């Protein structure tokens, strides 16, 4: 996909700078020629350290059977790298919010993510993840602690 279709203003980049941002991405892809079928090659050739670090956290989380909350566009890109390296990582990722960043819905769709918060945010900084923790904790508690129909001798019709 052309970077112009999925590159947004991020943290309020001036609109007149968008052309430079998009062209920088196009140039990086043209010069480095990442293999889109090799996640590590993509990361090495056009990824940043923040994407590598987050992908590493996701890989480590999955290895330790610990879920990791994916929050927004850049962490979704990191998730794509982690899943590309080890597909089973996806089972340990929780998509928190649907970022308003231009390419975020493409990334979520690509990975089959269904973020549960829709708050028109594109802030990053883990804001969607922080808001999602209480909801995730509540869901875990209900799943673990809530009585079933069988527990209370209730017939289901």
N, C-alpha and C. Protein backbone atom coordinates (compact mmCIF):
# COMPACT_ATOMS: atom_id res chain seq x y z
N UNK A 1 0.85 -1.18 0.00
CA UNK A 1 0.00 0.00 0.00
C UNK A 1 0.89 1.24 0.00
N UNK A 2 0.52 2.22 -0.74
CA UNK A 2 1.31 3.44 -0.80
C UNK A 2 1.27 4.16 0.55
N UNK A 3 2.42 4.64 1.05
CA UNK A 3 2.43 5.34 2.33
C UNK A 3 1.47 6.52 2.40
N UNK A 4 1.20 7.17 1.28
CA UNK A 4 0.26 8.29 1.28
C UNK A 4 -1.14 7.90 1.69
N UNK A 5 -1.49 6.64 1.51
CA UNK A 5 -2.83 6.17 1.86
C UNK A 5 -2.99 5.87 3.35
N UNK A 6 -1.88 5.64 4.05
CA UNK A 6 -1.99 5.22 5.45
C UNK A 6 -1.17 6.07 6.42
N UNK A 7 -0.54 7.12 5.93
CA UNK A 7 0.27 7.98 6.79
C UNK A 7 -0.53 9.19 7.21
N UNK A 8 -0.60 9.39 8.52
CA UNK A 8 -1.37 10.50 9.06
C UNK A 8 -0.49 11.54 9.72
N UNK A 9 -1.13 12.50 10.34
CA UNK A 9 -0.41 13.62 10.95
C UNK A 9 0.20 13.26 12.30
N UNK A 10 -0.12 12.08 12.83
CA UNK A 10 0.47 11.69 14.11
C UNK A 10 0.13 12.70 15.18
N UNK A 11 1.12 13.15 15.90
CA UNK A 11 0.91 14.12 16.99
C UNK A 11 0.87 15.54 16.43
N UNK A 12 -0.10 15.77 15.55
CA UNK A 12 -0.38 17.10 15.00
C UNK A 12 0.72 17.68 14.12
N UNK A 13 1.29 16.87 13.25
CA UNK A 13 2.24 17.37 12.27
C UNK A 13 1.52 18.38 11.38
N UNK A 14 2.17 19.45 11.09
CA UNK A 14 1.57 20.47 10.23
C UNK A 14 1.25 19.86 8.86
N UNK A 15 0.09 20.20 8.34
CA UNK A 15 -0.38 19.64 7.06
C UNK A 15 0.63 19.87 5.94
N UNK A 16 1.33 21.00 5.95
CA UNK A 16 2.30 21.28 4.89
C UNK A 16 3.55 20.40 4.98
N UNK A 17 3.72 19.69 6.09
CA UNK A 17 4.86 18.78 6.25
C UNK A 17 4.52 17.34 5.86
N UNK A 18 3.24 17.06 5.62
CA UNK A 18 2.81 15.70 5.31
C UNK A 18 3.48 15.16 4.05
N UNK A 19 3.63 15.98 3.04
CA UNK A 19 4.26 15.53 1.80
C UNK A 19 5.68 15.03 2.05
N UNK A 20 6.42 15.74 2.89
CA UNK A 20 7.79 15.33 3.23
C UNK A 20 7.79 14.01 4.00
N UNK A 21 6.86 13.87 4.94
CA UNK A 21 6.77 12.64 5.73
C UNK A 21 6.48 11.44 4.81
N UNK A 22 5.50 11.60 3.94
CA UNK A 22 5.13 10.51 3.02
C UNK A 22 6.28 10.19 2.08
N UNK A 23 6.94 11.21 1.55
CA UNK A 23 8.05 10.96 0.62
C UNK A 23 9.22 10.28 1.32
N UNK A 24 9.46 10.63 2.56
CA UNK A 24 10.53 9.98 3.33
C UNK A 24 10.24 8.48 3.46
N UNK A 25 8.99 8.14 3.71
CA UNK A 25 8.61 6.73 3.81
C UNK A 25 8.75 6.03 2.45
N UNK A 26 8.30 6.68 1.40
CA UNK A 26 8.45 6.08 0.06
C UNK A 26 9.92 5.85 -0.27
N UNK A 27 10.76 6.84 0.05
CA UNK A 27 12.20 6.71 -0.22
C UNK A 27 12.81 5.57 0.59
N UNK A 28 12.44 5.46 1.86
CA UNK A 28 12.99 4.40 2.71
C UNK A 28 12.63 3.03 2.16
N UNK A 29 11.42 2.88 1.68
CA UNK A 29 10.99 1.60 1.10
C UNK A 29 11.73 1.33 -0.21
N UNK A 30 11.86 2.35 -1.06
CA UNK A 30 12.53 2.18 -2.36
C UNK A 30 14.01 1.86 -2.19
N UNK A 31 14.66 2.52 -1.26
CA UNK A 31 16.09 2.31 -1.05
C UNK A 31 16.37 0.97 -0.36
N UNK A 32 15.61 0.65 0.67
CA UNK A 32 15.89 -0.53 1.49
C UNK A 32 15.22 -1.81 1.01
N UNK A 33 14.18 -1.69 0.20
CA UNK A 33 13.48 -2.83 -0.38
C UNK A 33 13.16 -3.95 0.63
N UNK A 34 12.36 -3.63 1.65
CA UNK A 34 12.01 -4.68 2.61
C UNK A 34 11.13 -5.75 1.97
N UNK A 35 11.33 -6.98 2.39
CA UNK A 35 10.51 -8.11 1.92
C UNK A 35 9.26 -8.17 2.79
N UNK A 36 8.11 -7.80 2.23
CA UNK A 36 6.88 -7.74 3.02
C UNK A 36 6.46 -9.08 3.60
N UNK A 37 7.05 -10.17 3.13
CA UNK A 37 6.74 -11.50 3.66
C UNK A 37 7.70 -11.93 4.76
N UNK A 38 8.61 -11.05 5.15
CA UNK A 38 9.60 -11.35 6.18
C UNK A 38 9.57 -10.22 7.21
N UNK A 39 8.87 -10.44 8.31
CA UNK A 39 8.67 -9.40 9.31
C UNK A 39 9.99 -8.84 9.85
N UNK A 40 10.96 -9.70 10.08
CA UNK A 40 12.24 -9.24 10.60
C UNK A 40 12.96 -8.36 9.57
N UNK A 41 12.84 -8.69 8.31
CA UNK A 41 13.44 -7.87 7.25
C UNK A 41 12.77 -6.49 7.19
N UNK A 42 11.45 -6.46 7.31
CA UNK A 42 10.73 -5.19 7.32
C UNK A 42 11.20 -4.35 8.51
N UNK A 43 11.25 -4.97 9.67
CA UNK A 43 11.68 -4.26 10.88
C UNK A 43 13.10 -3.72 10.72
N UNK A 44 14.00 -4.54 10.23
CA UNK A 44 15.40 -4.13 10.08
C UNK A 44 15.57 -3.01 9.06
N UNK A 45 14.77 -3.02 8.02
CA UNK A 45 14.98 -2.06 6.92
C UNK A 45 14.17 -0.78 7.03
N UNK A 46 13.00 -0.83 7.65
CA UNK A 46 12.19 0.39 7.73
C UNK A 46 11.54 0.61 9.10
N UNK A 47 11.83 -0.24 10.06
CA UNK A 47 11.24 -0.09 11.39
C UNK A 47 12.10 0.80 12.26
N UNK A 48 11.48 1.33 13.29
CA UNK A 48 12.19 2.13 14.27
C UNK A 48 12.43 1.35 15.54
N UNK A 49 13.26 1.91 16.41
CA UNK A 49 13.56 1.23 17.67
C UNK A 49 12.32 1.06 18.54
N UNK A 50 11.38 2.03 18.48
CA UNK A 50 10.17 1.90 19.29
C UNK A 50 9.32 0.73 18.81
N UNK A 51 9.29 0.51 17.50
CA UNK A 51 8.53 -0.62 16.96
C UNK A 51 9.21 -1.93 17.33
N UNK A 52 10.53 -1.97 17.24
CA UNK A 52 11.27 -3.17 17.63
C UNK A 52 11.06 -3.48 19.12
N UNK A 53 11.12 -2.45 19.96
CA UNK A 53 10.95 -2.66 21.40
C UNK A 53 9.56 -3.19 21.71
N UNK A 54 8.54 -2.59 21.11
CA UNK A 54 7.17 -3.05 21.38
C UNK A 54 6.94 -4.46 20.84
N UNK A 55 7.47 -4.75 19.67
CA UNK A 55 7.34 -6.11 19.13
C UNK A 55 8.03 -7.10 20.07
N UNK A 56 9.17 -6.71 20.62
CA UNK A 56 9.87 -7.57 21.58
C UNK A 56 9.05 -7.82 22.83
N UNK A 57 8.38 -6.78 23.32
CA UNK A 57 7.51 -6.95 24.50
C UNK A 57 6.38 -7.93 24.18
N UNK A 58 5.82 -7.81 22.99
CA UNK A 58 4.72 -8.70 22.59
C UNK A 58 5.21 -10.14 22.46
N UNK A 59 6.38 -10.34 21.89
CA UNK A 59 6.95 -11.69 21.79
C UNK A 59 7.24 -12.25 23.18
N UNK A 60 7.80 -11.43 24.06
CA UNK A 60 8.12 -11.88 25.42
C UNK A 60 6.84 -12.18 26.20
N UNK A 61 5.82 -11.34 26.03
CA UNK A 61 4.55 -11.57 26.70
C UNK A 61 3.96 -12.92 26.31
N UNK A 62 3.94 -13.18 25.02
CA UNK A 62 3.39 -14.45 24.54
C UNK A 62 4.21 -15.63 25.07
N UNK A 63 5.53 -15.48 25.07
CA UNK A 63 6.39 -16.56 25.57
C UNK A 63 6.12 -16.85 27.03
N UNK A 64 5.75 -15.82 27.79
CA UNK A 64 5.47 -15.98 29.22
C UNK A 64 3.98 -16.18 29.49
N UNK A 65 3.17 -16.29 28.43
CA UNK A 65 1.71 -16.46 28.54
C UNK A 65 1.06 -15.29 29.28
N UNK A 66 1.54 -14.08 28.97
CA UNK A 66 1.02 -12.85 29.57
C UNK A 66 0.45 -11.98 28.46
N UNK A 67 -0.80 -11.55 28.59
CA UNK A 67 -1.38 -10.70 27.55
C UNK A 67 -0.73 -9.33 27.51
N UNK A 68 -0.73 -8.73 26.33
CA UNK A 68 -0.19 -7.39 26.12
C UNK A 68 -1.29 -6.57 25.44
N UNK A 69 -1.49 -5.36 25.94
CA UNK A 69 -2.49 -4.47 25.36
C UNK A 69 -1.85 -3.68 24.22
N UNK A 70 -2.51 -3.74 23.06
CA UNK A 70 -2.07 -3.00 21.87
C UNK A 70 -2.88 -1.72 21.81
N UNK A 71 -2.18 -0.60 21.77
CA UNK A 71 -2.84 0.70 21.90
C UNK A 71 -2.50 1.61 20.73
N UNK A 72 -3.32 1.59 19.71
CA UNK A 72 -3.16 2.56 18.63
C UNK A 72 -2.34 2.06 17.46
N UNK A 73 -2.01 3.00 16.59
CA UNK A 73 -1.44 2.70 15.28
C UNK A 73 -0.01 2.15 15.35
N UNK A 74 0.87 2.79 16.06
CA UNK A 74 2.26 2.34 16.09
C UNK A 74 2.38 0.99 16.79
N UNK A 75 1.63 0.80 17.86
CA UNK A 75 1.69 -0.52 18.51
C UNK A 75 1.02 -1.59 17.65
N UNK A 76 0.08 -1.20 16.80
CA UNK A 76 -0.49 -2.15 15.85
C UNK A 76 0.55 -2.54 14.81
N UNK A 77 1.37 -1.58 14.38
CA UNK A 77 2.48 -1.91 13.48
C UNK A 77 3.46 -2.86 14.16
N UNK A 78 3.72 -2.63 15.43
CA UNK A 78 4.59 -3.52 16.21
C UNK A 78 3.98 -4.91 16.31
N UNK A 79 2.67 -4.96 16.50
CA UNK A 79 1.97 -6.24 16.57
C UNK A 79 2.09 -6.99 15.25
N UNK A 80 2.02 -6.26 14.14
CA UNK A 80 2.17 -6.90 12.83
C UNK A 80 3.55 -7.55 12.71
N UNK A 81 4.57 -6.88 13.22
CA UNK A 81 5.93 -7.45 13.20
C UNK A 81 5.98 -8.69 14.09
N UNK A 82 5.49 -8.57 15.32
CA UNK A 82 5.54 -9.69 16.27
C UNK A 82 4.76 -10.90 15.73
N UNK A 83 3.57 -10.65 15.20
CA UNK A 83 2.75 -11.74 14.65
C UNK A 83 3.41 -12.33 13.41
N UNK A 84 4.04 -11.48 12.61
CA UNK A 84 4.77 -11.97 11.44
C UNK A 84 5.92 -12.89 11.82
N UNK A 85 6.52 -12.63 12.96
CA UNK A 85 7.63 -13.47 13.42
C UNK A 85 7.15 -14.74 14.10
N UNK A 86 6.06 -14.62 14.88
CA UNK A 86 5.50 -15.77 15.62
C UNK A 86 3.99 -15.60 15.63
N UNK A 87 3.28 -16.23 14.70
CA UNK A 87 1.83 -16.03 14.59
C UNK A 87 1.05 -16.27 15.89
N UNK A 88 1.51 -17.16 16.75
CA UNK A 88 0.79 -17.45 17.99
C UNK A 88 0.78 -16.27 18.96
N UNK A 89 1.61 -15.26 18.72
CA UNK A 89 1.60 -14.05 19.55
C UNK A 89 0.22 -13.41 19.55
N UNK A 90 -0.48 -13.50 18.44
CA UNK A 90 -1.79 -12.85 18.31
C UNK A 90 -2.74 -13.26 19.43
N UNK A 91 -2.64 -14.49 19.90
CA UNK A 91 -3.53 -14.98 20.96
C UNK A 91 -3.31 -14.26 22.28
N UNK A 92 -2.23 -13.52 22.43
CA UNK A 92 -1.91 -12.82 23.67
C UNK A 92 -2.06 -11.31 23.56
N UNK A 93 -2.60 -10.83 22.45
CA UNK A 93 -2.73 -9.39 22.25
C UNK A 93 -4.18 -8.95 22.39
N UNK A 94 -4.37 -7.84 23.08
CA UNK A 94 -5.69 -7.24 23.28
C UNK A 94 -5.66 -5.86 22.66
N UNK A 95 -6.48 -5.62 21.65
CA UNK A 95 -6.54 -4.31 20.99
C UNK A 95 -7.45 -3.40 21.80
N UNK A 96 -6.89 -2.32 22.33
CA UNK A 96 -7.67 -1.47 23.24
C UNK A 96 -8.54 -0.45 22.51
N UNK A 97 -7.94 0.46 21.75
CA UNK A 97 -8.77 1.49 21.13
C UNK A 97 -8.52 1.62 19.65
N UNK A 98 -9.57 2.03 18.97
CA UNK A 98 -9.51 2.25 17.52
C UNK A 98 -9.00 3.66 17.29
N UNK A 99 -7.72 3.78 17.01
CA UNK A 99 -7.10 5.08 16.79
C UNK A 99 -7.72 5.78 15.58
N UNK A 100 -7.78 7.10 15.66
CA UNK A 100 -8.23 7.90 14.52
C UNK A 100 -7.09 8.18 13.54
N UNK A 101 -5.89 7.71 13.84
CA UNK A 101 -4.78 7.90 12.92
C UNK A 101 -5.14 7.27 11.58
N UNK A 102 -4.72 7.89 10.51
CA UNK A 102 -5.16 7.54 9.15
C UNK A 102 -5.07 6.04 8.81
N UNK A 103 -4.00 5.38 9.13
CA UNK A 103 -3.83 3.97 8.76
C UNK A 103 -4.22 2.97 9.83
N UNK A 104 -4.72 3.44 10.94
CA UNK A 104 -5.00 2.54 12.07
C UNK A 104 -6.04 1.48 11.74
N UNK A 105 -7.11 1.86 11.08
CA UNK A 105 -8.15 0.86 10.78
C UNK A 105 -7.62 -0.16 9.79
N UNK A 106 -6.77 0.26 8.85
CA UNK A 106 -6.14 -0.69 7.93
C UNK A 106 -5.32 -1.71 8.72
N UNK A 107 -4.51 -1.23 9.66
CA UNK A 107 -3.69 -2.13 10.48
C UNK A 107 -4.52 -3.09 11.29
N UNK A 108 -5.57 -2.57 11.91
CA UNK A 108 -6.45 -3.44 12.71
C UNK A 108 -7.13 -4.48 11.84
N UNK A 109 -7.63 -4.06 10.69
CA UNK A 109 -8.28 -5.00 9.77
C UNK A 109 -7.30 -6.06 9.29
N UNK A 110 -6.09 -5.64 8.96
CA UNK A 110 -5.06 -6.57 8.48
C UNK A 110 -4.80 -7.67 9.50
N UNK A 111 -4.79 -7.31 10.78
CA UNK A 111 -4.49 -8.27 11.84
C UNK A 111 -5.73 -8.95 12.42
N UNK A 112 -6.91 -8.52 11.98
CA UNK A 112 -8.14 -9.09 12.51
C UNK A 112 -8.44 -8.61 13.92
N UNK A 113 -7.95 -7.43 14.27
CA UNK A 113 -8.20 -6.85 15.59
C UNK A 113 -9.56 -6.18 15.61
N UNK A 114 -10.19 -6.21 16.76
CA UNK A 114 -11.46 -5.51 16.98
C UNK A 114 -11.32 -4.69 18.26
N UNK A 115 -10.71 -3.50 18.18
CA UNK A 115 -10.57 -2.68 19.38
C UNK A 115 -11.93 -2.39 20.00
N UNK A 116 -11.98 -2.37 21.34
CA UNK A 116 -13.27 -2.21 22.00
C UNK A 116 -13.56 -0.79 22.46
N UNK A 117 -12.59 0.10 22.39
CA UNK A 117 -12.83 1.51 22.71
C UNK A 117 -12.81 2.33 21.42
N UNK A 118 -13.81 3.15 21.25
CA UNK A 118 -13.91 4.04 20.08
C UNK A 118 -14.14 5.45 20.60
N UNK A 119 -13.04 6.19 20.76
CA UNK A 119 -13.13 7.48 21.42
C UNK A 119 -12.52 8.61 20.58
N UNK A 120 -12.34 8.38 19.29
CA UNK A 120 -11.83 9.41 18.38
C UNK A 120 -10.47 9.96 18.83
N UNK A 121 -9.62 9.07 19.38
CA UNK A 121 -8.30 9.50 19.84
C UNK A 121 -7.24 9.10 18.82
N UNK A 122 -6.18 9.88 18.77
CA UNK A 122 -4.99 9.53 18.02
C UNK A 122 -3.77 10.06 18.75
N UNK A 123 -3.86 9.97 20.07
CA UNK A 123 -2.82 10.54 20.92
C UNK A 123 -1.60 9.66 21.06
N UNK A 124 -1.80 8.35 21.11
CA UNK A 124 -0.69 7.48 21.45
C UNK A 124 -0.40 7.58 22.94
N UNK A 125 0.85 7.42 23.31
CA UNK A 125 1.27 7.48 24.70
C UNK A 125 0.55 6.49 25.60
N UNK A 126 -0.05 5.48 25.04
CA UNK A 126 -0.71 4.45 25.84
C UNK A 126 -2.02 4.88 26.48
N UNK A 127 -2.59 5.98 26.02
CA UNK A 127 -3.82 6.49 26.65
C UNK A 127 -4.98 5.51 26.53
N UNK A 128 -5.15 4.87 25.40
CA UNK A 128 -6.22 3.89 25.24
C UNK A 128 -5.98 2.67 26.10
N UNK A 129 -4.73 2.25 26.20
CA UNK A 129 -4.40 1.09 27.05
C UNK A 129 -4.72 1.39 28.50
N UNK A 130 -4.32 2.57 28.97
CA UNK A 130 -4.58 2.94 30.37
C UNK A 130 -6.07 2.92 30.66
N UNK A 131 -6.87 3.42 29.73
CA UNK A 131 -8.32 3.43 29.93
C UNK A 131 -8.91 2.03 29.87
N UNK A 132 -8.27 1.15 29.12
CA UNK A 132 -8.82 -0.20 28.94
C UNK A 132 -8.52 -1.15 30.10
N UNK A 133 -7.53 -0.84 30.92
CA UNK A 133 -7.12 -1.78 31.97
C UNK A 133 -8.27 -2.14 32.91
N UNK A 134 -9.06 -1.16 33.32
CA UNK A 134 -10.16 -1.45 34.25
C UNK A 134 -11.22 -2.34 33.59
N UNK A 135 -11.46 -2.12 32.31
CA UNK A 135 -12.43 -2.94 31.59
C UNK A 135 -11.92 -4.37 31.46
N UNK A 136 -10.65 -4.51 31.14
CA UNK A 136 -10.05 -5.84 31.02
C UNK A 136 -10.07 -6.55 32.38
N UNK A 137 -9.69 -5.83 33.44
CA UNK A 137 -9.73 -6.42 34.79
C UNK A 137 -11.15 -6.88 35.15
N UNK A 138 -12.15 -6.05 34.82
CA UNK A 138 -13.54 -6.41 35.12
C UNK A 138 -13.96 -7.66 34.33
N UNK A 139 -13.57 -7.73 33.06
CA UNK A 139 -13.92 -8.90 32.24
C UNK A 139 -13.28 -10.16 32.79
N UNK A 140 -12.02 -10.07 33.22
CA UNK A 140 -11.34 -11.23 33.80
C UNK A 140 -12.03 -11.66 35.09
N UNK A 141 -12.37 -10.69 35.94
CA UNK A 141 -13.03 -11.01 37.21
C UNK A 141 -14.38 -11.67 36.97
N UNK A 142 -15.14 -11.15 36.02
CA UNK A 142 -16.45 -11.77 35.73
C UNK A 142 -16.27 -13.18 35.21
N UNK A 143 -15.31 -13.37 34.34
CA UNK A 143 -15.07 -14.70 33.77
C UNK A 143 -14.61 -15.68 34.83
N UNK A 144 -13.79 -15.22 35.74
CA UNK A 144 -13.22 -16.08 36.76
C UNK A 144 -14.15 -16.29 37.95
N UNK A 145 -14.86 -15.23 38.37
CA UNK A 145 -15.56 -15.26 39.65
C UNK A 145 -17.08 -15.30 39.58
N UNK A 146 -17.66 -15.00 38.46
CA UNK A 146 -19.11 -14.93 38.39
C UNK A 146 -19.71 -16.33 38.40
N UNK A 147 -20.79 -16.49 39.12
CA UNK A 147 -21.46 -17.79 39.21
C UNK A 147 -22.08 -18.14 37.85
N UNK A 148 -22.09 -19.41 37.55
CA UNK A 148 -22.76 -19.90 36.34
C UNK A 148 -24.18 -20.32 36.71
N UNK A 149 -25.00 -20.56 35.70
CA UNK A 149 -26.34 -21.06 35.97
C UNK A 149 -26.28 -22.36 36.77
N UNK A 150 -25.35 -23.20 36.43
CA UNK A 150 -25.21 -24.46 37.17
C UNK A 150 -24.84 -24.25 38.62
N UNK A 151 -23.99 -23.24 38.89
CA UNK A 151 -23.59 -22.95 40.27
C UNK A 151 -24.77 -22.58 41.15
N UNK A 152 -25.77 -21.94 40.57
CA UNK A 152 -26.93 -21.48 41.36
C UNK A 152 -28.18 -22.33 41.09
N UNK A 153 -27.97 -23.51 40.51
CA UNK A 153 -29.06 -24.46 40.23
C UNK A 153 -30.20 -23.85 39.42
N UNK A 154 -29.86 -23.10 38.41
CA UNK A 154 -30.86 -22.47 37.56
C UNK A 154 -30.89 -23.20 36.22
N UNK A 155 -32.05 -23.59 35.80
CA UNK A 155 -32.19 -24.24 34.49
C UNK A 155 -32.21 -23.18 33.40
N UNK A 156 -31.59 -23.50 32.30
CA UNK A 156 -31.61 -22.61 31.15
C UNK A 156 -32.56 -23.20 30.12
N UNK A 157 -33.51 -22.41 29.70
CA UNK A 157 -34.53 -22.89 28.75
C UNK A 157 -34.13 -22.57 27.34
